[in-house]
Amino acid sequence: LNGYFHFVNWLAPPVFPFIQNIAVSGFFLLSGFLISYSLSQKTNNKAYSFKEYFLDRLVRIYIVFIPALIFTIIIDLMHLYFNQGIYRFINAFNLKTFFTNLLMLQYFPSIPFGSNRPFWVLGLLWWLYLAYGWWWLNRRSWRQRPIFFISILLAFSIIPLVSLFHGRGQGLALVWLLGVFTFYLLKSHFLSRIKPLSSLFLAGFCFCISLTNLFFTKSEFGLPFGIFLALSFLFLLNNLQSYQQQMALPIKKVFRIFSGYSFTLYLTHYPIIVLLLSLHLSLEPYQYFFLLFIISNLCAYLIAQITEMKTQSLKNTLKYLCCDTIKP
């Protein structure tokens, strides 16, 4: 739903930060948490290597990203056709930008391809995944080849480090790391003595502080907001761990359907929004909202049928073909 927040005009500067940016901060926090959880589970198998981790990330990202790049080309060509060449992203719609995006350089030093501005998020996340995965999976053996280990770690860390001082979303790398810390705090049972009701109260309290911070600072990627958002998330999870209730089967099915194409939706929705708004249809804002909601979800679902929903089978194939292990 992140893209649809573009229509909530009153949740925007100067009153409040853009709500879609707040959603990105929440996404980075959740991403750091989930990557830590995934690595923690998989490293129980001592044979799990960085090569396997890299293949996991490569397939998960590129099985959606490459179709999203092609989809952007199609939609942007339609934009040029229907608007007689009037197209404000022309400087980003070329082969150079296409290939720099393909190499995950769209956060720095390049720019997102065509009208698909949300690609910048992927250009930061990718390098965070690699840097953290490289460190975690080789942290015990790095002394065997320290120069090699540090060189690769620094290479993977360049863009996350640049993001702290330059470009859009300054501070998001730290928010992502807060997600990592949240997982390990939860795993340590440090909060196990706090009663469920107290955890729920603390979650609400920290969330209110985070919103208050946003209202006064307008800094949706800032560390203070990230810290209180992470604390709110931590206390909420601590509360939920106290319950063993099973989610109803119909609800699980709904979540499974939406999660099966959510990444595709994120990487394809924005060009659709740009194209339809450029047509200047005689519609009310709420009509635009529902039209865009239906079209973007339908497109994402159809694309995901042959891409995102085939992720696991492609992972299994690549792991079968690439069975060697890389060690620093």
C-alpha atoms as a PDB file:
ATOM      1  CA  LEU A   1       0.000   0.000   0.000  1.00  0.00           C
ATOM      2  CA  ASN A   2       3.046   2.247   0.196  1.00  0.00           C
ATOM      3  CA  GLY A   3       2.521   3.777  -3.244  1.00  0.00           C
ATOM      4  CA  TYR A   4      -1.091   4.756  -2.573  1.00  0.00           C
ATOM      5  CA  PHE A   5      -0.051   7.077   0.236  1.00  0.00           C
ATOM      6  CA  HIS A   6       0.894   9.568  -2.489  1.00  0.00           C
ATOM      7  CA  PHE A   7      -2.767  10.556  -2.520  1.00  0.00           C
ATOM      8  CA  VAL A   8      -3.030  11.405   1.176  1.00  0.00           C
ATOM      9  CA  ASN A   9      -2.074  15.055   0.728  1.00  0.00           C
ATOM     10  CA  TRP A  10      -2.683  16.152   4.283  1.00  0.00           C
ATOM     11  CA  LEU A  11      -0.095  13.664   5.544  1.00  0.00           C
ATOM     12  CA  ALA A  12       2.673  15.603   3.835  1.00  0.00           C
ATOM     13  CA  PRO A  13       5.055  18.527   4.467  1.00  0.00           C
ATOM     14  CA  PRO A  14       4.888  21.049   5.996  1.00  0.00           C
ATOM     15  CA  VAL A  15       2.389  19.419   8.400  1.00  0.00           C
ATOM     16  CA  PHE A  16       3.960  15.961   8.506  1.00  0.00           C
ATOM     17  CA  PRO A  17       6.645  13.981   6.638  1.00  0.00           C
ATOM     18  CA  PHE A  18       5.506  12.095   3.544  1.00  0.00           C
ATOM     19  CA  ILE A  19       3.733   9.009   4.855  1.00  0.00           C
ATOM     20  CA  GLN A  20       5.231   6.855   2.082  1.00  0.00           C
ATOM     21  CA  ASN A  21       8.680   7.707   3.464  1.00  0.00           C
ATOM     22  CA  ILE A  22       7.563   6.661   6.950  1.00  0.00           C
ATOM     23  CA  ALA A  23       6.456   3.350   5.427  1.00  0.00           C
ATOM     24  CA  VAL A  24       9.929   2.944   3.879  1.00  0.00           C
ATOM     25  CA  SER A  25      11.515   3.384   7.332  1.00  0.00           C
ATOM     26  CA  GLY A  26       9.210   0.700   8.705  1.00  0.00           C
ATOM     27  CA  PHE A  27      10.096  -1.546   5.785  1.00  0.00           C
ATOM     28  CA  PHE A  28      13.836  -1.158   6.434  1.00  0.00           C
ATOM     29  CA  LEU A  29      13.342  -1.947  10.121  1.00  0.00           C
ATOM     30  CA  LEU A  30      11.363  -5.076   9.248  1.00  0.00           C
ATOM     31  CA  SER A  31      13.893  -6.071   6.576  1.00  0.00           C
ATOM     32  CA  GLY A  32      16.808  -5.959   9.032  1.00  0.00           C
ATOM     33  CA  PHE A  33      14.805  -8.037  11.500  1.00  0.00           C
ATOM     34  CA  LEU A  34      13.820 -10.681   8.925  1.00  0.00           C
ATOM     35  CA  ILE A  35      17.298 -11.028   7.407  1.00  0.00           C
ATOM     36  CA  SER A  36      18.729 -11.585  10.899  1.00  0.00           C
ATOM     37  CA  TYR A  37      16.043 -14.153  11.628  1.00  0.00           C
ATOM     38  CA  SER A  38      16.670 -15.942   8.330  1.00  0.00           C
ATOM     39  CA  LEU A  39      20.445 -16.073   8.839  1.00  0.00           C
ATOM     40  CA  SER A  40      20.025 -17.212  12.425  1.00  0.00           C
ATOM     41  CA  GLN A  41      17.864 -20.118  11.266  1.00  0.00           C
ATOM     42  CA  LYS A  42      20.026 -21.120   8.318  1.00  0.00           C
ATOM     43  CA  THR A  43      23.374 -20.938  10.111  1.00  0.00           C
ATOM     44  CA  ASN A  44      22.210 -23.749  12.380  1.00  0.00           C
ATOM     45  CA  ASN A  45      23.341 -25.725   9.356  1.00  0.00           C
ATOM     46  CA  LYS A  46      27.131 -25.290   9.506  1.00  0.00           C
ATOM     47  CA  ALA A  47      27.418 -26.007   5.776  1.00  0.00           C
ATOM     48  CA  TYR A  48      25.462 -22.856   4.897  1.00  0.00           C
ATOM     49  CA  SER A  49      27.877 -20.528   3.099  1.00  0.00           C
ATOM     50  CA  PHE A  50      27.981 -17.010   1.747  1.00  0.00           C
ATOM     51  CA  LYS A  51      27.608 -18.451  -1.730  1.00  0.00           C
ATOM     52  CA  GLU A  52      24.268 -20.004  -0.789  1.00  0.00           C
ATOM     53  CA  TYR A  53      23.224 -16.785   0.927  1.00  0.00           C
ATOM     54  CA  PHE A  54      24.226 -14.763  -2.138  1.00  0.00           C
ATOM     55  CA  LEU A  55      22.191 -17.066  -4.393  1.00  0.00           C
ATOM     56  CA  ASP A  56      19.205 -16.722  -2.056  1.00  0.00           C
ATOM     57  CA  ARG A  57      19.365 -12.921  -2.224  1.00  0.00           C
ATOM     58  CA  LEU A  58      20.170 -12.867  -5.950  1.00  0.00           C
ATOM     59  CA  VAL A  59      17.148 -14.965  -6.864  1.00  0.00           C
ATOM     60  CA  ARG A  60      14.796 -13.235  -4.405  1.00  0.00           C
ATOM     61  CA  ILE A  61      15.674  -9.786  -5.763  1.00  0.00           C
ATOM     62  CA  TYR A  62      16.402 -10.291  -9.449  1.00  0.00           C
ATOM     63  CA  ILE A  63      13.532 -12.653 -10.245  1.00  0.00           C
ATOM     64  CA  VAL A  64      11.336  -9.601  -9.600  1.00  0.00           C
ATOM     65  CA  PHE A  65      13.724  -6.749 -10.414  1.00  0.00           C
ATOM     66  CA  ILE A  66      14.509  -7.725 -14.020  1.00  0.00           C
ATOM     67  CA  PRO A  67      10.808  -8.098 -14.974  1.00  0.00           C
ATOM     68  CA  ALA A  68      10.160  -4.780 -13.181  1.00  0.00           C
ATOM     69  CA  LEU A  69      12.810  -3.084 -15.337  1.00  0.00           C
ATOM     70  CA  ILE A  70      11.200  -4.500 -18.493  1.00  0.00           C
ATOM     71  CA  PHE A  71       7.751  -3.500 -17.226  1.00  0.00           C
ATOM     72  CA  THR A  72       9.042   0.049 -16.647  1.00  0.00           C
ATOM     73  CA  ILE A  73      10.271   0.226 -20.251  1.00  0.00           C
ATOM     74  CA  ILE A  74       6.840  -0.830 -21.558  1.00  0.00           C
ATOM     75  CA  ILE A  75       4.890   1.583 -19.348  1.00  0.00           C
ATOM     76  CA  ASP A  76       7.240   4.491 -20.050  1.00  0.00           C
ATOM     77  CA  LEU A  77       7.041   3.915 -23.803  1.00  0.00           C
ATOM     78  CA  MET A  78       3.257   4.036 -23.447  1.00  0.00           C
ATOM     79  CA  HIS A  79       3.701   7.279 -21.496  1.00  0.00           C
ATOM     80  CA  LEU A  80       5.734   8.770 -24.355  1.00  0.00           C
ATOM     81  CA  TYR A  81       3.168   7.609 -26.922  1.00  0.00           C
ATOM     82  CA  PHE A  82       0.034   8.891 -25.175  1.00  0.00           C
ATOM     83  CA  ASN A  83       1.620  12.186 -24.120  1.00  0.00           C
ATOM     84  CA  GLN A  84       3.282  13.043 -27.440  1.00  0.00           C
ATOM     85  CA  GLY A  85       6.795  12.862 -26.032  1.00  0.00           C
ATOM     86  CA  ILE A  86       6.080  14.859 -22.852  1.00  0.00           C
ATOM     87  CA  TYR A  87       7.950  12.839 -20.259  1.00  0.00           C
ATOM     88  CA  ARG A  88       9.783  14.296 -17.252  1.00  0.00           C
ATOM     89  CA  PHE A  89      12.019  11.251 -16.670  1.00  0.00           C
ATOM     90  CA  ILE A  90      13.765  11.363 -20.058  1.00  0.00           C
ATOM     91  CA  ASN A  91      17.236  11.810 -18.489  1.00  0.00           C
ATOM     92  CA  ALA A  92      16.749   8.540 -16.590  1.00  0.00           C
ATOM     93  CA  PHE A  93      15.348   6.570 -19.542  1.00  0.00           C
ATOM     94  CA  ASN A  94      18.437   5.336 -21.372  1.00  0.00           C
ATOM     95  CA  LEU A  95      20.735   2.317 -21.658  1.00  0.00           C
ATOM     96  CA  LYS A  96      23.320   3.702 -19.241  1.00  0.00           C
ATOM     97  CA  THR A  97      20.772   4.092 -16.453  1.00  0.00           C
ATOM     98  CA  PHE A  98      19.254   0.706 -17.278  1.00  0.00           C
ATOM     99  CA  PHE A  99      22.567  -1.117 -16.831  1.00  0.00           C
ATOM    100  CA  THR A 100      23.616   0.838 -13.729  1.00  0.00           C
ATOM    101  CA  ASN A 101      20.281  -0.151 -12.193  1.00  0.00           C
ATOM    102  CA  LEU A 102      20.887  -3.751 -13.224  1.00  0.00           C
ATOM    103  CA  LEU A 103      24.170  -3.568 -11.264  1.00  0.00           C
ATOM    104  CA  MET A 104      22.345  -2.072  -8.253  1.00  0.00           C
ATOM    105  CA  LEU A 105      24.022   1.329  -8.550  1.00  0.00           C
ATOM    106  CA  GLN A 106      20.795   3.343  -8.702  1.00  0.00           C
ATOM    107  CA  TYR A 107      21.192   4.745  -5.193  1.00  0.00           C
ATOM    108  CA  PHE A 108      24.757   5.875  -5.860  1.00  0.00           C
ATOM    109  CA  PRO A 109      26.336   6.956  -8.159  1.00  0.00           C
ATOM    110  CA  SER A 110      23.473   6.581 -10.676  1.00  0.00           C
ATOM    111  CA  ILE A 111      19.724   7.270 -10.461  1.00  0.00           C
ATOM    112  CA  PRO A 112      16.596   5.059 -10.672  1.00  0.00           C
ATOM    113  CA  PHE A 113      15.644   3.938 -14.165  1.00  0.00           C
ATOM    114  CA  GLY A 114      12.832   5.740 -15.974  1.00  0.00           C
ATOM    115  CA  SER A 115       9.745   6.673 -13.992  1.00  0.00           C
ATOM    116  CA  ASN A 116      10.305   3.925 -11.420  1.00  0.00           C
ATOM    117  CA  ARG A 117      11.587   6.143  -8.606  1.00  0.00           C
ATOM    118  CA  PRO A 118      11.162   3.496  -5.837  1.00  0.00           C
ATOM    119  CA  PHE A 119      14.100   1.580  -7.355  1.00  0.00           C
ATOM    120  CA  TRP A 120      16.410   3.701  -5.161  1.00  0.00           C
ATOM    121  CA  VAL A 121      15.330   1.654  -2.126  1.00  0.00           C
ATOM    122  CA  LEU A 122      16.516  -1.570  -3.752  1.00  0.00           C
ATOM    123  CA  GLY A 123      19.901  -0.035  -4.563  1.00  0.00           C
ATOM    124  CA  LEU A 124      20.519   0.466  -0.845  1.00  0.00           C
ATOM    125  CA  LEU A 125      18.949  -2.733   0.474  1.00  0.00           C
ATOM    126  CA  TRP A 126      20.970  -4.943  -1.861  1.00  0.00           C
ATOM    127  CA  TRP A 127      24.317  -3.740  -0.494  1.00  0.00           C
ATOM    128  CA  LEU A 128      23.092  -3.929   3.102  1.00  0.00           C
ATOM    129  CA  TYR A 129      22.142  -7.566   2.484  1.00  0.00           C
ATOM    130  CA  LEU A 130      25.564  -8.378   1.057  1.00  0.00           C
ATOM    131  CA  ALA A 131      27.605  -6.499   3.666  1.00  0.00           C
ATOM    132  CA  TYR A 132      25.754  -7.960   6.626  1.00  0.00           C
ATOM    133  CA  GLY A 133      25.628 -11.477   5.162  1.00  0.00           C
ATOM    134  CA  TRP A 134      29.354 -11.422   4.378  1.00  0.00           C
ATOM    135  CA  TRP A 135      30.217 -10.302   7.900  1.00  0.00           C
ATOM    136  CA  TRP A 136      27.841 -12.696   9.663  1.00  0.00           C
ATOM    137  CA  LEU A 137      28.741 -15.835   7.727  1.00  0.00           C
ATOM    138  CA  ASN A 138      32.493 -15.243   7.890  1.00  0.00           C
ATOM    139  CA  ARG A 139      32.862 -13.567  11.283  1.00  0.00           C
ATOM    140  CA  ARG A 140      34.480 -16.620  12.872  1.00  0.00           C
ATOM    141  CA  SER A 141      36.906 -17.468  10.069  1.00  0.00           C
ATOM    142  CA  TRP A 142      37.994 -14.009   8.878  1.00  0.00           C
ATOM    143  CA  ARG A 143      41.408 -14.223  10.571  1.00  0.00           C
ATOM    144  CA  GLN A 144      42.488 -16.864   8.065  1.00  0.00           C
ATOM    145  CA  ARG A 145      42.479 -14.261   5.264  1.00  0.00           C
ATOM    146  CA  PRO A 146      41.872 -10.882   6.948  1.00  0.00           C
ATOM    147  CA  ILE A 147      42.804  -8.632   4.009  1.00  0.00           C
ATOM    148  CA  PHE A 148      40.453 -10.484   1.670  1.00  0.00           C
ATOM    149  CA  PHE A 149      37.646 -10.455   4.236  1.00  0.00           C
ATOM    150  CA  ILE A 150      37.985  -6.730   5.028  1.00  0.00           C
ATOM    151  CA  SER A 151      38.343  -5.761   1.345  1.00  0.00           C
ATOM    152  CA  ILE A 152      35.094  -7.518   0.388  1.00  0.00           C
ATOM    153  CA  LEU A 153      33.301  -6.118   3.442  1.00  0.00           C
ATOM    154  CA  LEU A 154      34.388  -2.569   2.574  1.00  0.00           C
ATOM    155  CA  ALA A 155      33.366  -3.029  -1.071  1.00  0.00           C
ATOM    156  CA  PHE A 156      29.892  -4.175  -0.032  1.00  0.00           C
ATOM    157  CA  SER A 157      29.635  -1.352   2.535  1.00  0.00           C
ATOM    158  CA  ILE A 158      30.464   1.597   0.262  1.00  0.00           C
ATOM    159  CA  ILE A 159      26.879   2.467  -0.691  1.00  0.00           C
ATOM    160  CA  PRO A 160      25.412   1.944   2.832  1.00  0.00           C
ATOM    161  CA  LEU A 161      28.160   4.220   4.212  1.00  0.00           C
ATOM    162  CA  VAL A 162      27.555   6.828   1.485  1.00  0.00           C
ATOM    163  CA  SER A 163      23.830   6.737   2.324  1.00  0.00           C
ATOM    164  CA  LEU A 164      24.553   8.080   5.818  1.00  0.00           C
ATOM    165  CA  PHE A 165      25.743  11.396   4.376  1.00  0.00           C
ATOM    166  CA  HIS A 166      24.460  11.647   0.809  1.00  0.00           C
ATOM    167  CA  GLY A 167      21.349  10.968  -1.235  1.00  0.00           C
ATOM    168  CA  ARG A 168      17.785  10.158  -0.385  1.00  0.00           C
ATOM    169  CA  GLY A 169      16.897   8.354   2.822  1.00  0.00           C
ATOM    170  CA  GLN A 170      19.936   9.379   4.855  1.00  0.00           C
ATOM    171  CA  GLY A 171      19.947   7.259   7.987  1.00  0.00           C
ATOM    172  CA  LEU A 172      18.013   4.301   6.572  1.00  0.00           C
ATOM    173  CA  ALA A 173      21.073   2.057   6.872  1.00  0.00           C
ATOM    174  CA  LEU A 174      21.032   2.695  10.630  1.00  0.00           C
ATOM    175  CA  VAL A 175      17.292   1.983  10.768  1.00  0.00           C
ATOM    176  CA  TRP A 176      18.001  -1.334   9.020  1.00  0.00           C
ATOM    177  CA  LEU A 177      20.637  -2.164  11.650  1.00  0.00           C
ATOM    178  CA  LEU A 178      18.108  -1.320  14.360  1.00  0.00           C
ATOM    179  CA  GLY A 179      15.986  -4.101  12.880  1.00  0.00           C
ATOM    180  CA  VAL A 180      18.961  -6.448  13.305  1.00  0.00           C
ATOM    181  CA  PHE A 181      19.428  -5.387  16.950  1.00  0.00           C
ATOM    182  CA  THR A 182      15.693  -5.817  17.563  1.00  0.00           C
ATOM    183  CA  PHE A 183      15.887  -9.453  16.515  1.00  0.00           C
ATOM    184  CA  TYR A 184      18.828 -10.253  18.784  1.00  0.00           C
ATOM    185  CA  LEU A 185      17.271  -8.462  21.753  1.00  0.00           C
ATOM    186  CA  LEU A 186      14.111 -10.496  21.258  1.00  0.00           C
ATOM    187  CA  LYS A 187      16.096 -13.703  20.834  1.00  0.00           C
ATOM    188  CA  SER A 188      18.092 -13.088  24.036  1.00  0.00           C
ATOM    189  CA  HIS A 189      14.902 -13.222  26.155  1.00  0.00           C
ATOM    190  CA  PHE A 190      16.029  -9.960  27.734  1.00  0.00           C
ATOM    191  CA  LEU A 191      12.386  -8.867  27.866  1.00  0.00           C
ATOM    192  CA  SER A 192      10.923 -12.178  29.026  1.00  0.00           C
ATOM    193  CA  ARG A 193      10.216 -10.830  32.526  1.00  0.00           C
ATOM    194  CA  ILE A 194       8.009  -8.043  31.203  1.00  0.00           C
ATOM    195  CA  LYS A 195       4.339  -8.995  31.359  1.00  0.00           C
ATOM    196  CA  PRO A 196       2.375  -9.100  28.074  1.00  0.00           C
ATOM    197  CA  LEU A 197       0.091  -6.213  29.041  1.00  0.00           C
ATOM    198  CA  SER A 198       3.088  -4.089  30.068  1.00  0.00           C
ATOM    199  CA  SER A 199       4.788  -4.883  26.746  1.00  0.00           C
ATOM    200  CA  LEU A 200       1.677  -3.777  24.865  1.00  0.00           C
ATOM    201  CA  PHE A 201       1.557  -0.524  26.838  1.00  0.00           C
ATOM    202  CA  LEU A 202       5.272   0.135  26.202  1.00  0.00           C
ATOM    203  CA  ALA A 203       4.792  -0.606  22.488  1.00  0.00           C
ATOM    204  CA  GLY A 204       2.013   1.989  22.277  1.00  0.00           C
ATOM    205  CA  PHE A 205       3.982   4.484  24.365  1.00  0.00           C
ATOM    206  CA  CYS A 206       7.117   4.206  22.191  1.00  0.00           C
ATOM    207  CA  PHE A 207       5.028   4.442  19.023  1.00  0.00           C
ATOM    208  CA  CYS A 208       3.404   7.658  20.287  1.00  0.00           C
ATOM    209  CA  ILE A 209       6.849   9.097  21.050  1.00  0.00           C
ATOM    210  CA  SER A 210       8.023   8.178  17.545  1.00  0.00           C
ATOM    211  CA  LEU A 211       5.033   9.990  16.008  1.00  0.00           C
ATOM    212  CA  THR A 212       5.621  13.006  18.250  1.00  0.00           C
ATOM    213  CA  ASN A 213       9.233  13.067  17.121  1.00  0.00           C
ATOM    214  CA  LEU A 214       8.073  12.998  13.493  1.00  0.00           C
ATOM    215  CA  PHE A 215       5.649  15.845  14.043  1.00  0.00           C
ATOM    216  CA  PHE A 216       8.316  18.148  15.474  1.00  0.00           C
ATOM    217  CA  THR A 217      11.406  17.114  13.499  1.00  0.00           C
ATOM    218  CA  LYS A 218       9.843  16.086  10.139  1.00  0.00           C
ATOM    219  CA  SER A 219      12.752  13.602   9.931  1.00  0.00           C
ATOM    220  CA  GLU A 220      11.254  10.270   8.886  1.00  0.00           C
ATOM    221  CA  PHE A 221      14.660   8.676   8.280  1.00  0.00           C
ATOM    222  CA  GLY A 222      16.256  10.042  11.442  1.00  0.00           C
ATOM    223  CA  LEU A 223      17.799   7.897  14.165  1.00  0.00           C
ATOM    224  CA  PRO A 224      15.529   9.133  17.031  1.00  0.00           C
ATOM    225  CA  PHE A 225      12.422   8.119  15.077  1.00  0.00           C
ATOM    226  CA  GLY A 226      14.042   4.818  14.144  1.00  0.00           C
ATOM    227  CA  ILE A 227      14.974   4.007  17.746  1.00  0.00           C
ATOM    228  CA  PHE A 228      11.467   4.556  19.119  1.00  0.00           C
ATOM    229  CA  LEU A 229       9.900   2.737  16.167  1.00  0.00           C
ATOM    230  CA  ALA A 230      12.247  -0.210  16.823  1.00  0.00           C
ATOM    231  CA  LEU A 231      11.387  -0.189  20.535  1.00  0.00           C
ATOM    232  CA  SER A 232       7.687  -0.149  19.697  1.00  0.00           C
ATOM    233  CA  PHE A 233       8.184  -3.102  17.345  1.00  0.00           C
ATOM    234  CA  LEU A 234      10.273  -4.950  19.952  1.00  0.00           C
ATOM    235  CA  PHE A 235       7.703  -4.578  22.731  1.00  0.00           C
ATOM    236  CA  LEU A 236       4.877  -5.537  20.370  1.00  0.00           C
ATOM    237  CA  LEU A 237       6.686  -8.734  19.362  1.00  0.00           C
ATOM    238  CA  ASN A 238       7.427  -9.470  23.007  1.00  0.00           C
ATOM    239  CA  ASN A 239       3.709  -9.184  23.697  1.00  0.00           C
ATOM    240  CA  LEU A 240       2.762 -11.438  20.781  1.00  0.00           C
ATOM    241  CA  GLN A 241       5.235 -14.124  21.877  1.00  0.00           C
ATOM    242  CA  SER A 242       3.081 -14.660  24.951  1.00  0.00           C
ATOM    243  CA  TYR A 243       0.196 -15.955  22.858  1.00  0.00           C
ATOM    244  CA  GLN A 244       0.015 -19.297  21.106  1.00  0.00           C
ATOM    245  CA  GLN A 245      -3.182 -18.600  19.182  1.00  0.00           C
ATOM    246  CA  GLN A 246      -3.295 -19.977  15.663  1.00  0.00           C
ATOM    247  CA  MET A 247      -4.359 -17.715  12.844  1.00  0.00           C
ATOM    248  CA  ALA A 248      -7.550 -18.828  11.146  1.00  0.00           C
ATOM    249  CA  LEU A 249      -6.910 -20.762   7.924  1.00  0.00           C
ATOM    250  CA  PRO A 250      -8.839 -18.345   5.623  1.00  0.00           C
ATOM    251  CA  ILE A 251      -6.794 -15.405   6.972  1.00  0.00           C
ATOM    252  CA  LYS A 252      -3.565 -17.349   6.398  1.00  0.00           C
ATOM    253  CA  LYS A 253      -4.597 -17.969   2.800  1.00  0.00           C
ATOM    254  CA  VAL A 254      -5.266 -14.264   2.231  1.00  0.00           C
ATOM    255  CA  PHE A 255      -1.869 -13.327   3.681  1.00  0.00           C
ATOM    256  CA  ARG A 256      -0.172 -15.996   1.565  1.00  0.00           C
ATOM    257  CA  ILE A 257      -1.753 -14.637  -1.617  1.00  0.00           C
ATOM    258  CA  PHE A 258      -0.773 -11.026  -0.923  1.00  0.00           C
ATOM    259  CA  SER A 259       2.739 -11.900   0.263  1.00  0.00           C
ATOM    260  CA  GLY A 260       3.221 -13.875  -2.942  1.00  0.00           C
ATOM    261  CA  TYR A 261       3.228 -10.712  -5.056  1.00  0.00           C
ATOM    262  CA  SER A 262       3.936  -7.880  -2.591  1.00  0.00           C
ATOM    263  CA  PHE A 263       7.521  -7.337  -3.780  1.00  0.00           C
ATOM    264  CA  THR A 264       6.371  -7.255  -7.403  1.00  0.00           C
ATOM    265  CA  LEU A 265       3.690  -4.743  -6.441  1.00  0.00           C
ATOM    266  CA  TYR A 266       6.269  -2.461  -4.830  1.00  0.00           C
ATOM    267  CA  LEU A 267       8.527  -2.538  -7.901  1.00  0.00           C
ATOM    268  CA  THR A 268       5.784  -2.014 -10.494  1.00  0.00           C
ATOM    269  CA  HIS A 269       3.154   0.296  -8.974  1.00  0.00           C
ATOM    270  CA  TYR A 270       4.845   3.668  -9.449  1.00  0.00           C
ATOM    271  CA  PRO A 271       5.135   3.753 -13.291  1.00  0.00           C
ATOM    272  CA  ILE A 272       1.419   2.887 -13.441  1.00  0.00           C
ATOM    273  CA  ILE A 273       0.606   5.812 -11.143  1.00  0.00           C
ATOM    274  CA  VAL A 274       2.748   8.187 -13.224  1.00  0.00           C
ATOM    275  CA  LEU A 275       1.175   7.037 -16.506  1.00  0.00           C
ATOM    276  CA  LEU A 276      -2.459   7.241 -15.385  1.00  0.00           C
ATOM    277  CA  LEU A 277      -2.021  10.623 -13.718  1.00  0.00           C
ATOM    278  CA  SER A 278      -0.394  11.975 -16.894  1.00  0.00           C
ATOM    279  CA  LEU A 279      -3.548  11.119 -18.860  1.00  0.00           C
ATOM    280  CA  HIS A 280      -5.568  13.688 -16.850  1.00  0.00           C
ATOM    281  CA  LEU A 281      -8.690  11.560 -16.672  1.00  0.00           C
ATOM    282  CA  SER A 282     -11.884  13.205 -15.424  1.00  0.00           C
ATOM    283  CA  LEU A 283     -11.927  11.335 -12.127  1.00  0.00           C
ATOM    284  CA  GLU A 284     -12.259  12.242  -8.482  1.00  0.00           C
ATOM    285  CA  PRO A 285      -9.259  11.488  -6.209  1.00  0.00           C
ATOM    286  CA  TYR A 286     -11.005   8.497  -4.605  1.00  0.00           C
ATOM    287  CA  GLN A 287     -11.821   7.136  -8.085  1.00  0.00           C
ATOM    288  CA  TYR A 288      -8.155   7.471  -9.052  1.00  0.00           C
ATOM    289  CA  PHE A 289      -7.222   5.631  -5.864  1.00  0.00           C
ATOM    290  CA  PHE A 290      -9.456   2.627  -6.526  1.00  0.00           C
ATOM    291  CA  LEU A 291      -8.577   2.508 -10.226  1.00  0.00           C
ATOM    292  CA  LEU A 292      -4.853   2.531  -9.459  1.00  0.00           C
ATOM    293  CA  PHE A 293      -5.306   0.030  -6.644  1.00  0.00           C
ATOM    294  CA  ILE A 294      -7.067  -2.440  -8.935  1.00  0.00           C
ATOM    295  CA  ILE A 295      -4.786  -2.002 -11.962  1.00  0.00           C
ATOM    296  CA  SER A 296      -1.490  -2.116 -10.055  1.00  0.00           C
ATOM    297  CA  ASN A 297      -2.521  -5.133  -7.965  1.00  0.00           C
ATOM    298  CA  LEU A 298      -3.800  -6.976 -11.021  1.00  0.00           C
ATOM    299  CA  CYS A 299      -0.605  -6.280 -13.001  1.00  0.00           C
ATOM    300  CA  ALA A 300       1.601  -7.278 -10.061  1.00  0.00           C
ATOM    301  CA  TYR A 301      -0.341 -10.480  -9.447  1.00  0.00           C
ATOM    302  CA  LEU A 302      -0.138 -11.556 -13.099  1.00  0.00           C
ATOM    303  CA  ILE A 303       3.593 -10.786 -13.330  1.00  0.00           C
ATOM    304  CA  ALA A 304       4.280 -12.575 -10.033  1.00  0.00           C
ATOM    305  CA  GLN A 305       2.653 -15.748 -11.369  1.00  0.00           C
ATOM    306  CA  ILE A 306       5.725 -16.359 -13.538  1.00  0.00           C
ATOM    307  CA  THR A 307       8.329 -14.533 -11.416  1.00  0.00           C
ATOM    308  CA  GLU A 308       8.020 -13.961  -7.666  1.00  0.00           C
ATOM    309  CA  MET A 309       5.922 -17.057  -7.033  1.00  0.00           C
ATOM    310  CA  LYS A 310       8.612 -19.187  -8.728  1.00  0.00           C
ATOM    311  CA  THR A 311      11.383 -17.956  -6.424  1.00  0.00           C
ATOM    312  CA  GLN A 312      11.877 -21.145  -4.430  1.00  0.00           C
ATOM    313  CA  SER A 313      12.038 -23.454  -7.451  1.00  0.00           C
ATOM    314  CA  LEU A 314      14.668 -21.215  -9.090  1.00  0.00           C
ATOM    315  CA  LYS A 315      16.673 -21.123  -5.847  1.00  0.00           C
ATOM    316  CA  ASN A 316      16.665 -24.912  -5.680  1.00  0.00           C
ATOM    317  CA  THR A 317      17.828 -25.183  -9.294  1.00  0.00           C
ATOM    318  CA  LEU A 318      20.711 -22.736  -8.835  1.00  0.00           C
ATOM    319  CA  LYS A 319      21.828 -24.378  -5.595  1.00  0.00           C
ATOM    320  CA  TYR A 320      21.876 -27.730  -7.352  1.00  0.00           C
ATOM    321  CA  LEU A 321      24.042 -26.306 -10.157  1.00  0.00           C
ATOM    322  CA  CYS A 322      26.314 -24.314  -7.813  1.00  0.00           C
ATOM    323  CA  CYS A 323      27.178 -26.717  -5.039  1.00  0.00           C
ATOM    324  CA  ASP A 324      30.672 -25.395  -4.157  1.00  0.00           C
ATOM    325  CA  THR A 325      31.304 -23.234  -1.107  1.00  0.00           C
ATOM    326  CA  ILE A 326      33.090 -19.871  -1.066  1.00  0.00           C
ATOM    327  CA  LYS A 327      35.114 -19.107   2.024  1.00  0.00           C
ATOM    328  CA  PRO A 328      37.294 -16.055   2.667  1.00  0.00           C
END
